[in-house]
Amino acid sequence: VIGGVFSFHYYMHTVKHNYTTMPEPLSCA
């Protein structure tokens, strides 16, 4: 397997963590 890492987006969803639950996975926007 060959890995590839490219920028399909330039932005991410801003998430405010409350540190009481597991953070959601980072997602692109």
mmCIF file of all heavy atoms, coordinates in Angstrom:
data_MODEL
# 
_entry.id   MODEL 
# 
loop_
_atom_site.group_PDB 
_atom_site.id 
_atom_site.type_symbol 
_atom_site.label_atom_id 
_atom_site.label_alt_id 
_atom_site.label_comp_id 
_atom_site.label_asym_id 
_atom_site.label_entity_id 
_atom_site.label_seq_id 
_atom_site.pdbx_PDB_ins_code 
_atom_site.Cartn_x 
_atom_site.Cartn_y 
_atom_site.Cartn_z 
_atom_site.occupancy 
_atom_site.B_iso_or_equiv 
_atom_site.pdbx_formal_charge 
_atom_site.auth_seq_id 
_atom_site.auth_comp_id 
_atom_site.auth_asym_id 
_atom_site.auth_atom_id 
_atom_site.pdbx_PDB_model_num 
ATOM 1   N N   . VAL A 1 1  ? 0.834   -1.193 0.000  1.00 0.00 ? 1  VAL A N   1 
ATOM 2   C CA  . VAL A 1 1  ? 0.000   0.000  0.000  1.00 0.00 ? 1  VAL A CA  1 
ATOM 3   C C   . VAL A 1 1  ? 0.875   1.253  0.000  1.00 0.00 ? 1  VAL A C   1 
ATOM 4   O O   . VAL A 1 1  ? 1.876   1.326  0.717  1.00 0.00 ? 1  VAL A O   1 
ATOM 5   C CB  . VAL A 1 1  ? -0.932  0.017  1.229  1.00 0.00 ? 1  VAL A CB  1 
ATOM 6   C CG1 . VAL A 1 1  ? -1.753  1.298  1.270  1.00 0.00 ? 1  VAL A CG1 1 
ATOM 7   C CG2 . VAL A 1 1  ? -1.851  -1.198 1.211  1.00 0.00 ? 1  VAL A CG2 1 
ATOM 8   N N   . ILE A 1 2  ? 0.494   2.227  -0.814 1.00 0.00 ? 2  ILE A N   1 
ATOM 9   C CA  . ILE A 1 2  ? 1.139   3.539  -0.844 1.00 0.00 ? 2  ILE A CA  1 
ATOM 10  C C   . ILE A 1 2  ? 0.145   4.560  -0.310 1.00 0.00 ? 2  ILE A C   1 
ATOM 11  O O   . ILE A 1 2  ? -0.997  4.623  -0.767 1.00 0.00 ? 2  ILE A O   1 
ATOM 12  C CB  . ILE A 1 2  ? 1.576   3.914  -2.269 1.00 0.00 ? 2  ILE A CB  1 
ATOM 13  C CG1 . ILE A 1 2  ? 2.605   2.906  -2.780 1.00 0.00 ? 2  ILE A CG1 1 
ATOM 14  C CG2 . ILE A 1 2  ? 2.156   5.329  -2.299 1.00 0.00 ? 2  ILE A CG2 1 
ATOM 15  C CD1 . ILE A 1 2  ? 3.056   3.164  -4.204 1.00 0.00 ? 2  ILE A CD1 1 
ATOM 16  N N   . GLY A 1 3  ? 0.571   5.348  0.676  1.00 0.00 ? 3  GLY A N   1 
ATOM 17  C CA  . GLY A 1 3  ? -0.296  6.364  1.257  1.00 0.00 ? 3  GLY A CA  1 
ATOM 18  C C   . GLY A 1 3  ? -0.233  7.662  0.481  1.00 0.00 ? 3  GLY A C   1 
ATOM 19  O O   . GLY A 1 3  ? 0.783   7.990  -0.144 1.00 0.00 ? 3  GLY A O   1 
ATOM 20  N N   . GLY A 1 4  ? -1.299  8.402  0.512  1.00 0.00 ? 4  GLY A N   1 
ATOM 21  C CA  . GLY A 1 4  ? -1.368  9.716  -0.134 1.00 0.00 ? 4  GLY A CA  1 
ATOM 22  C C   . GLY A 1 4  ? -2.045  10.715 0.775  1.00 0.00 ? 4  GLY A C   1 
ATOM 23  O O   . GLY A 1 4  ? -3.083  10.403 1.373  1.00 0.00 ? 4  GLY A O   1 
ATOM 24  N N   . VAL A 1 5  ? -1.468  11.906 0.916  1.00 0.00 ? 5  VAL A N   1 
ATOM 25  C CA  . VAL A 1 5  ? -2.044  12.961 1.755  1.00 0.00 ? 5  VAL A CA  1 
ATOM 26  C C   . VAL A 1 5  ? -2.085  14.243 0.935  1.00 0.00 ? 5  VAL A C   1 
ATOM 27  O O   . VAL A 1 5  ? -1.043  14.829 0.630  1.00 0.00 ? 5  VAL A O   1 
ATOM 28  C CB  . VAL A 1 5  ? -1.220  13.175 3.042  1.00 0.00 ? 5  VAL A CB  1 
ATOM 29  C CG1 . VAL A 1 5  ? -1.900  14.212 3.936  1.00 0.00 ? 5  VAL A CG1 1 
ATOM 30  C CG2 . VAL A 1 5  ? -1.055  11.861 3.800  1.00 0.00 ? 5  VAL A CG2 1 
ATOM 31  N N   . PHE A 1 6  ? -3.294  14.676 0.578  1.00 0.00 ? 6  PHE A N   1 
ATOM 32  C CA  . PHE A 1 6  ? -3.479  15.871 -0.240 1.00 0.00 ? 6  PHE A CA  1 
ATOM 33  C C   . PHE A 1 6  ? -4.496  16.788 0.442  1.00 0.00 ? 6  PHE A C   1 
ATOM 34  O O   . PHE A 1 6  ? -5.296  16.342 1.262  1.00 0.00 ? 6  PHE A O   1 
ATOM 35  C CB  . PHE A 1 6  ? -3.976  15.504 -1.636 1.00 0.00 ? 6  PHE A CB  1 
ATOM 36  C CG  . PHE A 1 6  ? -3.065  14.569 -2.382 1.00 0.00 ? 6  PHE A CG  1 
ATOM 37  C CD1 . PHE A 1 6  ? -3.279  13.198 -2.359 1.00 0.00 ? 6  PHE A CD1 1 
ATOM 38  C CD2 . PHE A 1 6  ? -1.992  15.059 -3.103 1.00 0.00 ? 6  PHE A CD2 1 
ATOM 39  C CE1 . PHE A 1 6  ? -2.436  12.327 -3.039 1.00 0.00 ? 6  PHE A CE1 1 
ATOM 40  C CE2 . PHE A 1 6  ? -1.139  14.200 -3.784 1.00 0.00 ? 6  PHE A CE2 1 
ATOM 41  C CZ  . PHE A 1 6  ? -1.367  12.837 -3.751 1.00 0.00 ? 6  PHE A CZ  1 
ATOM 42  N N   . SER A 1 7  ? -4.466  18.054 0.070  1.00 0.00 ? 7  SER A N   1 
ATOM 43  C CA  . SER A 1 7  ? -5.412  19.024 0.628  1.00 0.00 ? 7  SER A CA  1 
ATOM 44  C C   . SER A 1 7  ? -6.585  19.188 -0.332 1.00 0.00 ? 7  SER A C   1 
ATOM 45  O O   . SER A 1 7  ? -6.496  19.906 -1.324 1.00 0.00 ? 7  SER A O   1 
ATOM 46  C CB  . SER A 1 7  ? -4.719  20.380 0.855  1.00 0.00 ? 7  SER A CB  1 
ATOM 47  O OG  . SER A 1 7  ? -3.704  20.272 1.834  1.00 0.00 ? 7  SER A OG  1 
ATOM 48  N N   . PHE A 1 8  ? -7.685  18.500 -0.022 1.00 0.00 ? 8  PHE A N   1 
ATOM 49  C CA  . PHE A 1 8  ? -8.903  18.672 -0.803 1.00 0.00 ? 8  PHE A CA  1 
ATOM 50  C C   . PHE A 1 8  ? -9.707  19.876 -0.319 1.00 0.00 ? 8  PHE A C   1 
ATOM 51  O O   . PHE A 1 8  ? -10.531 20.409 -1.045 1.00 0.00 ? 8  PHE A O   1 
ATOM 52  C CB  . PHE A 1 8  ? -9.791  17.423 -0.711 1.00 0.00 ? 8  PHE A CB  1 
ATOM 53  C CG  . PHE A 1 8  ? -9.132  16.180 -1.250 1.00 0.00 ? 8  PHE A CG  1 
ATOM 54  C CD1 . PHE A 1 8  ? -9.496  14.930 -0.776 1.00 0.00 ? 8  PHE A CD1 1 
ATOM 55  C CD2 . PHE A 1 8  ? -8.158  16.253 -2.225 1.00 0.00 ? 8  PHE A CD2 1 
ATOM 56  C CE1 . PHE A 1 8  ? -8.899  13.782 -1.267 1.00 0.00 ? 8  PHE A CE1 1 
ATOM 57  C CE2 . PHE A 1 8  ? -7.542  15.109 -2.717 1.00 0.00 ? 8  PHE A CE2 1 
ATOM 58  C CZ  . PHE A 1 8  ? -7.926  13.872 -2.238 1.00 0.00 ? 8  PHE A CZ  1 
ATOM 59  N N   . HIS A 1 9  ? -9.487  20.269 0.944  1.00 0.00 ? 9  HIS A N   1 
ATOM 60  C CA  . HIS A 1 9  ? -10.141 21.430 1.534  1.00 0.00 ? 9  HIS A CA  1 
ATOM 61  C C   . HIS A 1 9  ? -9.080  22.290 2.218  1.00 0.00 ? 9  HIS A C   1 
ATOM 62  O O   . HIS A 1 9  ? -7.998  21.814 2.535  1.00 0.00 ? 9  HIS A O   1 
ATOM 63  C CB  . HIS A 1 9  ? -11.195 21.023 2.573  1.00 0.00 ? 9  HIS A CB  1 
ATOM 64  C CG  . HIS A 1 9  ? -12.308 20.195 2.025  1.00 0.00 ? 9  HIS A CG  1 
ATOM 65  N ND1 . HIS A 1 9  ? -12.210 18.832 1.858  1.00 0.00 ? 9  HIS A ND1 1 
ATOM 66  C CD2 . HIS A 1 9  ? -13.557 20.542 1.630  1.00 0.00 ? 9  HIS A CD2 1 
ATOM 67  C CE1 . HIS A 1 9  ? -13.359 18.365 1.370  1.00 0.00 ? 9  HIS A CE1 1 
ATOM 68  N NE2 . HIS A 1 9  ? -14.176 19.371 1.223  1.00 0.00 ? 9  HIS A NE2 1 
ATOM 69  N N   . TYR A 1 10 ? -9.438  23.540 2.480  1.00 0.00 ? 10 TYR A N   1 
ATOM 70  C CA  . TYR A 1 10 ? -8.547  24.433 3.207  1.00 0.00 ? 10 TYR A CA  1 
ATOM 71  C C   . TYR A 1 10 ? -9.105  24.842 4.567  1.00 0.00 ? 10 TYR A C   1 
ATOM 72  O O   . TYR A 1 10 ? -8.481  25.618 5.280  1.00 0.00 ? 10 TYR A O   1 
ATOM 73  C CB  . TYR A 1 10 ? -8.276  25.706 2.395  1.00 0.00 ? 10 TYR A CB  1 
ATOM 74  C CG  . TYR A 1 10 ? -7.026  25.625 1.552  1.00 0.00 ? 10 TYR A CG  1 
ATOM 75  C CD1 . TYR A 1 10 ? -7.014  26.090 0.245  1.00 0.00 ? 10 TYR A CD1 1 
ATOM 76  C CD2 . TYR A 1 10 ? -5.850  25.097 2.062  1.00 0.00 ? 10 TYR A CD2 1 
ATOM 77  C CE1 . TYR A 1 10 ? -5.864  26.022 -0.535 1.00 0.00 ? 10 TYR A CE1 1 
ATOM 78  C CE2 . TYR A 1 10 ? -4.703  25.015 1.297  1.00 0.00 ? 10 TYR A CE2 1 
ATOM 79  C CZ  . TYR A 1 10 ? -4.720  25.482 0.003  1.00 0.00 ? 10 TYR A CZ  1 
ATOM 80  O OH  . TYR A 1 10 ? -3.580  25.406 -0.755 1.00 0.00 ? 10 TYR A OH  1 
ATOM 81  N N   . TYR A 1 11 ? -10.263 24.323 4.929  1.00 0.00 ? 11 TYR A N   1 
ATOM 82  C CA  . TYR A 1 11 ? -10.884 24.729 6.179  1.00 0.00 ? 11 TYR A CA  1 
ATOM 83  C C   . TYR A 1 11 ? -11.379 23.500 6.941  1.00 0.00 ? 11 TYR A C   1 
ATOM 84  O O   . TYR A 1 11 ? -11.607 22.440 6.371  1.00 0.00 ? 11 TYR A O   1 
ATOM 85  C CB  . TYR A 1 11 ? -12.064 25.680 5.928  1.00 0.00 ? 11 TYR A CB  1 
ATOM 86  C CG  . TYR A 1 11 ? -11.680 26.921 5.166  1.00 0.00 ? 11 TYR A CG  1 
ATOM 87  C CD1 . TYR A 1 11 ? -11.923 27.016 3.802  1.00 0.00 ? 11 TYR A CD1 1 
ATOM 88  C CD2 . TYR A 1 11 ? -11.058 27.994 5.797  1.00 0.00 ? 11 TYR A CD2 1 
ATOM 89  C CE1 . TYR A 1 11 ? -11.570 28.146 3.082  1.00 0.00 ? 11 TYR A CE1 1 
ATOM 90  C CE2 . TYR A 1 11 ? -10.700 29.123 5.093  1.00 0.00 ? 11 TYR A CE2 1 
ATOM 91  C CZ  . TYR A 1 11 ? -10.952 29.201 3.740  1.00 0.00 ? 11 TYR A CZ  1 
ATOM 92  O OH  . TYR A 1 11 ? -10.589 30.307 3.040  1.00 0.00 ? 11 TYR A OH  1 
ATOM 93  N N   . MET A 1 12 ? -11.548 23.692 8.256  1.00 0.00 ? 12 MET A N   1 
ATOM 94  C CA  . MET A 1 12 ? -12.090 22.644 9.118  1.00 0.00 ? 12 MET A CA  1 
ATOM 95  C C   . MET A 1 12 ? -13.213 23.227 9.959  1.00 0.00 ? 12 MET A C   1 
ATOM 96  O O   . MET A 1 12 ? -13.255 24.432 10.224 1.00 0.00 ? 12 MET A O   1 
ATOM 97  C CB  . MET A 1 12 ? -11.002 22.089 10.051 1.00 0.00 ? 12 MET A CB  1 
ATOM 98  C CG  . MET A 1 12 ? -9.908  21.336 9.345  1.00 0.00 ? 12 MET A CG  1 
ATOM 99  S SD  . MET A 1 12 ? -8.697  20.758 10.530 1.00 0.00 ? 12 MET A SD  1 
ATOM 100 C CE  . MET A 1 12 ? -9.761  19.885 11.672 1.00 0.00 ? 12 MET A CE  1 
ATOM 101 N N   . HIS A 1 13 ? -14.127 22.340 10.370 1.00 0.00 ? 13 HIS A N   1 
ATOM 102 C CA  . HIS A 1 13 ? -15.187 22.768 11.278 1.00 0.00 ? 13 HIS A CA  1 
ATOM 103 C C   . HIS A 1 13 ? -14.571 23.132 12.629 1.00 0.00 ? 13 HIS A C   1 
ATOM 104 O O   . HIS A 1 13 ? -13.765 22.386 13.180 1.00 0.00 ? 13 HIS A O   1 
ATOM 105 C CB  . HIS A 1 13 ? -16.220 21.650 11.469 1.00 0.00 ? 13 HIS A CB  1 
ATOM 106 C CG  . HIS A 1 13 ? -17.065 21.413 10.262 1.00 0.00 ? 13 HIS A CG  1 
ATOM 107 N ND1 . HIS A 1 13 ? -17.993 22.328 9.803  1.00 0.00 ? 13 HIS A ND1 1 
ATOM 108 C CD2 . HIS A 1 13 ? -17.130 20.359 9.415  1.00 0.00 ? 13 HIS A CD2 1 
ATOM 109 C CE1 . HIS A 1 13 ? -18.589 21.848 8.724  1.00 0.00 ? 13 HIS A CE1 1 
ATOM 110 N NE2 . HIS A 1 13 ? -18.070 20.662 8.461  1.00 0.00 ? 13 HIS A NE2 1 
ATOM 111 N N   . THR A 1 14 ? -14.958 24.295 13.153 1.00 0.00 ? 14 THR A N   1 
ATOM 112 C CA  . THR A 1 14 ? -14.486 24.717 14.465 1.00 0.00 ? 14 THR A CA  1 
ATOM 113 C C   . THR A 1 14 ? -15.316 24.033 15.551 1.00 0.00 ? 14 THR A C   1 
ATOM 114 O O   . THR A 1 14 ? -16.549 24.116 15.558 1.00 0.00 ? 14 THR A O   1 
ATOM 115 C CB  . THR A 1 14 ? -14.596 26.243 14.624 1.00 0.00 ? 14 THR A CB  1 
ATOM 116 O OG1 . THR A 1 14 ? -13.825 26.871 13.594 1.00 0.00 ? 14 THR A OG1 1 
ATOM 117 C CG2 . THR A 1 14 ? -14.071 26.676 15.985 1.00 0.00 ? 14 THR A CG2 1 
ATOM 118 N N   . VAL A 1 15 ? -14.642 23.338 16.441 1.00 0.00 ? 15 VAL A N   1 
ATOM 119 C CA  . VAL A 1 15 ? -15.323 22.595 17.504 1.00 0.00 ? 15 VAL A CA  1 
ATOM 120 C C   . VAL A 1 15 ? -14.862 23.129 18.856 1.00 0.00 ? 15 VAL A C   1 
ATOM 121 O O   . VAL A 1 15 ? -13.661 23.240 19.111 1.00 0.00 ? 15 VAL A O   1 
ATOM 122 C CB  . VAL A 1 15 ? -15.043 21.082 17.395 1.00 0.00 ? 15 VAL A CB  1 
ATOM 123 C CG1 . VAL A 1 15 ? -15.746 20.333 18.514 1.00 0.00 ? 15 VAL A CG1 1 
ATOM 124 C CG2 . VAL A 1 15 ? -15.474 20.555 16.035 1.00 0.00 ? 15 VAL A CG2 1 
ATOM 125 N N   . LYS A 1 16 ? -15.808 23.433 19.718 1.00 0.00 ? 16 LYS A N   1 
ATOM 126 C CA  . LYS A 1 16 ? -15.502 23.856 21.081 1.00 0.00 ? 16 LYS A CA  1 
ATOM 127 C C   . LYS A 1 16 ? -15.704 22.659 22.005 1.00 0.00 ? 16 LYS A C   1 
ATOM 128 O O   . LYS A 1 16 ? -16.818 22.165 22.159 1.00 0.00 ? 16 LYS A O   1 
ATOM 129 C CB  . LYS A 1 16 ? -16.407 25.015 21.510 1.00 0.00 ? 16 LYS A CB  1 
ATOM 130 C CG  . LYS A 1 16 ? -16.135 26.302 20.749 1.00 0.00 ? 16 LYS A CG  1 
ATOM 131 C CD  . LYS A 1 16 ? -17.003 27.454 21.273 1.00 0.00 ? 16 LYS A CD  1 
ATOM 132 C CE  . LYS A 1 16 ? -16.692 28.739 20.536 1.00 0.00 ? 16 LYS A CE  1 
ATOM 133 N NZ  . LYS A 1 16 ? -17.523 29.869 21.044 1.00 0.00 ? 16 LYS A NZ  1 
ATOM 134 N N   . HIS A 1 17 ? -14.623 22.194 22.607 1.00 0.00 ? 17 HIS A N   1 
ATOM 135 C CA  . HIS A 1 17 ? -14.693 21.019 23.466 1.00 0.00 ? 17 HIS A CA  1 
ATOM 136 C C   . HIS A 1 17 ? -15.105 21.423 24.882 1.00 0.00 ? 17 HIS A C   1 
ATOM 137 O O   . HIS A 1 17 ? -14.619 22.418 25.431 1.00 0.00 ? 17 HIS A O   1 
ATOM 138 C CB  . HIS A 1 17 ? -13.336 20.309 23.506 1.00 0.00 ? 17 HIS A CB  1 
ATOM 139 C CG  . HIS A 1 17 ? -12.860 19.856 22.165 1.00 0.00 ? 17 HIS A CG  1 
ATOM 140 N ND1 . HIS A 1 17 ? -13.566 18.993 21.375 1.00 0.00 ? 17 HIS A ND1 1 
ATOM 141 C CD2 . HIS A 1 17 ? -11.731 20.164 21.469 1.00 0.00 ? 17 HIS A CD2 1 
ATOM 142 C CE1 . HIS A 1 17 ? -12.917 18.770 20.242 1.00 0.00 ? 17 HIS A CE1 1 
ATOM 143 N NE2 . HIS A 1 17 ? -11.788 19.474 20.283 1.00 0.00 ? 17 HIS A NE2 1 
ATOM 144 N N   . ASN A 1 18 ? -15.998 20.621 25.462 1.00 0.00 ? 18 ASN A N   1 
ATOM 145 C CA  . ASN A 1 18 ? -16.395 20.859 26.857 1.00 0.00 ? 18 ASN A CA  1 
ATOM 146 C C   . ASN A 1 18 ? -15.666 19.948 27.828 1.00 0.00 ? 18 ASN A C   1 
ATOM 147 O O   . ASN A 1 18 ? -15.840 20.053 29.047 1.00 0.00 ? 18 ASN A O   1 
ATOM 148 C CB  . ASN A 1 18 ? -17.906 20.678 27.022 1.00 0.00 ? 18 ASN A CB  1 
ATOM 149 C CG  . ASN A 1 18 ? -18.368 19.315 26.531 1.00 0.00 ? 18 ASN A CG  1 
ATOM 150 O OD1 . ASN A 1 18 ? -17.567 18.380 26.369 1.00 0.00 ? 18 ASN A OD1 1 
ATOM 151 N ND2 . ASN A 1 18 ? -19.681 19.209 26.277 1.00 0.00 ? 18 ASN A ND2 1 
ATOM 152 N N   . TYR A 1 19 ? -14.846 19.032 27.294 1.00 0.00 ? 19 TYR A N   1 
ATOM 153 C CA  . TYR A 1 19 ? -14.010 18.150 28.108 1.00 0.00 ? 19 TYR A CA  1 
ATOM 154 C C   . TYR A 1 19 ? -14.826 17.243 29.034 1.00 0.00 ? 19 TYR A C   1 
ATOM 155 O O   . TYR A 1 19 ? -14.323 16.773 30.055 1.00 0.00 ? 19 TYR A O   1 
ATOM 156 C CB  . TYR A 1 19 ? -12.994 18.954 28.929 1.00 0.00 ? 19 TYR A CB  1 
ATOM 157 C CG  . TYR A 1 19 ? -12.110 19.814 28.072 1.00 0.00 ? 19 TYR A CG  1 
ATOM 158 C CD1 . TYR A 1 19 ? -12.342 21.182 27.965 1.00 0.00 ? 19 TYR A CD1 1 
ATOM 159 C CD2 . TYR A 1 19 ? -11.073 19.259 27.326 1.00 0.00 ? 19 TYR A CD2 1 
ATOM 160 C CE1 . TYR A 1 19 ? -11.549 21.976 27.150 1.00 0.00 ? 19 TYR A CE1 1 
ATOM 161 C CE2 . TYR A 1 19 ? -10.282 20.051 26.507 1.00 0.00 ? 19 TYR A CE2 1 
ATOM 162 C CZ  . TYR A 1 19 ? -10.517 21.409 26.415 1.00 0.00 ? 19 TYR A CZ  1 
ATOM 163 O OH  . TYR A 1 19 ? -9.746  22.189 25.615 1.00 0.00 ? 19 TYR A OH  1 
ATOM 164 N N   . THR A 1 20 ? -16.067 17.018 28.685 1.00 0.00 ? 20 THR A N   1 
ATOM 165 C CA  . THR A 1 20 ? -16.900 16.080 29.438 1.00 0.00 ? 20 THR A CA  1 
ATOM 166 C C   . THR A 1 20 ? -17.296 14.880 28.596 1.00 0.00 ? 20 THR A C   1 
ATOM 167 O O   . THR A 1 20 ? -17.766 13.878 29.136 1.00 0.00 ? 20 THR A O   1 
ATOM 168 C CB  . THR A 1 20 ? -18.181 16.772 29.958 1.00 0.00 ? 20 THR A CB  1 
ATOM 169 O OG1 . THR A 1 20 ? -18.930 17.280 28.840 1.00 0.00 ? 20 THR A OG1 1 
ATOM 170 C CG2 . THR A 1 20 ? -17.823 17.917 30.898 1.00 0.00 ? 20 THR A CG2 1 
ATOM 171 N N   . THR A 1 21 ? -17.125 14.972 27.304 1.00 0.00 ? 21 THR A N   1 
ATOM 172 C CA  . THR A 1 21 ? -17.430 13.870 26.391 1.00 0.00 ? 21 THR A CA  1 
ATOM 173 C C   . THR A 1 21 ? -16.275 13.704 25.415 1.00 0.00 ? 21 THR A C   1 
ATOM 174 O O   . THR A 1 21 ? -15.430 14.600 25.258 1.00 0.00 ? 21 THR A O   1 
ATOM 175 C CB  . THR A 1 21 ? -18.726 14.128 25.607 1.00 0.00 ? 21 THR A CB  1 
ATOM 176 O OG1 . THR A 1 21 ? -18.597 15.341 24.848 1.00 0.00 ? 21 THR A OG1 1 
ATOM 177 C CG2 . THR A 1 21 ? -19.922 14.235 26.545 1.00 0.00 ? 21 THR A CG2 1 
ATOM 178 N N   . MET A 1 22 ? -16.266 12.562 24.740 1.00 0.00 ? 22 MET A N   1 
ATOM 179 C CA  . MET A 1 22 ? -15.232 12.303 23.747 1.00 0.00 ? 22 MET A CA  1 
ATOM 180 C C   . MET A 1 22 ? -15.370 13.279 22.578 1.00 0.00 ? 22 MET A C   1 
ATOM 181 O O   . MET A 1 22 ? -16.450 13.431 22.026 1.00 0.00 ? 22 MET A O   1 
ATOM 182 C CB  . MET A 1 22 ? -15.351 10.870 23.230 1.00 0.00 ? 22 MET A CB  1 
ATOM 183 C CG  . MET A 1 22 ? -14.269 10.477 22.232 1.00 0.00 ? 22 MET A CG  1 
ATOM 184 S SD  . MET A 1 22 ? -12.629 10.334 22.987 1.00 0.00 ? 22 MET A SD  1 
ATOM 185 C CE  . MET A 1 22 ? -12.871 8.874  24.002 1.00 0.00 ? 22 MET A CE  1 
ATOM 186 N N   . PRO A 1 23 ? -14.291 13.996 22.199 1.00 0.00 ? 23 PRO A N   1 
ATOM 187 C CA  . PRO A 1 23 ? -14.377 14.940 21.090 1.00 0.00 ? 23 PRO A CA  1 
ATOM 188 C C   . PRO A 1 23 ? -14.746 14.241 19.787 1.00 0.00 ? 23 PRO A C   1 
ATOM 189 O O   . PRO A 1 23 ? -14.358 13.104 19.543 1.00 0.00 ? 23 PRO A O   1 
ATOM 190 C CB  . PRO A 1 23 ? -12.962 15.537 21.013 1.00 0.00 ? 23 PRO A CB  1 
ATOM 191 C CG  . PRO A 1 23 ? -12.361 15.274 22.345 1.00 0.00 ? 23 PRO A CG  1 
ATOM 192 C CD  . PRO A 1 23 ? -12.954 13.991 22.819 1.00 0.00 ? 23 PRO A CD  1 
ATOM 193 N N   . GLU A 1 24 ? -15.512 14.927 18.963 1.00 0.00 ? 24 GLU A N   1 
ATOM 194 C CA  . GLU A 1 24 ? -15.868 14.392 17.656 1.00 0.00 ? 24 GLU A CA  1 
ATOM 195 C C   . GLU A 1 24 ? -14.644 14.423 16.740 1.00 0.00 ? 24 GLU A C   1 
ATOM 196 O O   . GLU A 1 24 ? -13.758 15.272 16.888 1.00 0.00 ? 24 GLU A O   1 
ATOM 197 C CB  . GLU A 1 24 ? -16.987 15.220 17.031 1.00 0.00 ? 24 GLU A CB  1 
ATOM 198 C CG  . GLU A 1 24 ? -18.321 15.117 17.754 1.00 0.00 ? 24 GLU A CG  1 
ATOM 199 C CD  . GLU A 1 24 ? -18.911 13.729 17.643 1.00 0.00 ? 24 GLU A CD  1 
ATOM 200 O OE1 . GLU A 1 24 ? -18.706 13.075 16.603 1.00 0.00 ? 24 GLU A OE1 1 
ATOM 201 O OE2 . GLU A 1 24 ? -19.555 13.283 18.608 1.00 0.00 ? 24 GLU A OE2 1 
ATOM 202 N N   . PRO A 1 25 ? -14.556 13.483 15.793 1.00 0.00 ? 25 PRO A N   1 
ATOM 203 C CA  . PRO A 1 25 ? -13.439 13.503 14.838 1.00 0.00 ? 25 PRO A CA  1 
ATOM 204 C C   . PRO A 1 25 ? -13.410 14.807 14.048 1.00 0.00 ? 25 PRO A C   1 
ATOM 205 O O   . PRO A 1 25 ? -14.462 15.395 13.749 1.00 0.00 ? 25 PRO A O   1 
ATOM 206 C CB  . PRO A 1 25 ? -13.743 12.306 13.924 1.00 0.00 ? 25 PRO A CB  1 
ATOM 207 C CG  . PRO A 1 25 ? -14.643 11.424 14.721 1.00 0.00 ? 25 PRO A CG  1 
ATOM 208 C CD  . PRO A 1 25 ? -15.457 12.339 15.586 1.00 0.00 ? 25 PRO A CD  1 
ATOM 209 N N   . LEU A 1 26 ? -12.205 15.271 13.723 1.00 0.00 ? 26 LEU A N   1 
ATOM 210 C CA  . LEU A 1 26 ? -12.057 16.496 12.954 1.00 0.00 ? 26 LEU A CA  1 
ATOM 211 C C   . LEU A 1 26 ? -12.621 16.292 11.544 1.00 0.00 ? 26 LEU A C   1 
ATOM 212 O O   . LEU A 1 26 ? -12.396 15.265 10.918 1.00 0.00 ? 26 LEU A O   1 
ATOM 213 C CB  . LEU A 1 26 ? -10.585 16.884 12.857 1.00 0.00 ? 26 LEU A CB  1 
ATOM 214 C CG  . LEU A 1 26 ? -9.883  17.169 14.193 1.00 0.00 ? 26 LEU A CG  1 
ATOM 215 C CD1 . LEU A 1 26 ? -8.398  17.403 13.975 1.00 0.00 ? 26 LEU A CD1 1 
ATOM 216 C CD2 . LEU A 1 26 ? -10.508 18.366 14.883 1.00 0.00 ? 26 LEU A CD2 1 
ATOM 217 N N   . SER A 1 27 ? -13.366 17.270 11.060 1.00 0.00 ? 27 SER A N   1 
ATOM 218 C CA  . SER A 1 27 ? -13.975 17.165 9.735  1.00 0.00 ? 27 SER A CA  1 
ATOM 219 C C   . SER A 1 27 ? -13.670 18.409 8.925  1.00 0.00 ? 27 SER A C   1 
ATOM 220 O O   . SER A 1 27 ? -13.503 19.512 9.461  1.00 0.00 ? 27 SER A O   1 
ATOM 221 C CB  . SER A 1 27 ? -15.490 16.964 9.846  1.00 0.00 ? 27 SER A CB  1 
ATOM 222 O OG  . SER A 1 27 ? -16.092 18.036 10.556 1.00 0.00 ? 27 SER A OG  1 
ATOM 223 N N   . CYS A 1 28 ? -13.603 18.236 7.611  1.00 0.00 ? 28 CYS A N   1 
ATOM 224 C CA  . CYS A 1 28 ? -13.269 19.335 6.713  1.00 0.00 ? 28 CYS A CA  1 
ATOM 225 C C   . CYS A 1 28 ? -14.508 20.140 6.368  1.00 0.00 ? 28 CYS A C   1 
ATOM 226 O O   . CYS A 1 28 ? -15.639 19.678 6.498  1.00 0.00 ? 28 CYS A O   1 
ATOM 227 C CB  . CYS A 1 28 ? -12.626 18.789 5.439  1.00 0.00 ? 28 CYS A CB  1 
ATOM 228 S SG  . CYS A 1 28 ? -11.190 17.748 5.719  1.00 0.00 ? 28 CYS A SG  1 
ATOM 229 N N   . ALA A 1 29 ? -14.285 21.352 5.891  1.00 0.00 ? 29 ALA A N   1 
ATOM 230 C CA  . ALA A 1 29 ? -15.380 22.235 5.504  1.00 0.00 ? 29 ALA A CA  1 
ATOM 231 C C   . ALA A 1 29 ? -14.991 23.000 4.247  1.00 0.00 ? 29 ALA A C   1 
ATOM 232 O O   . ALA A 1 29 ? -13.820 23.049 3.862  1.00 0.00 ? 29 ALA A O   1 
ATOM 233 C CB  . ALA A 1 29 ? -15.713 23.215 6.633  1.00 0.00 ? 29 ALA A CB  1 
# 
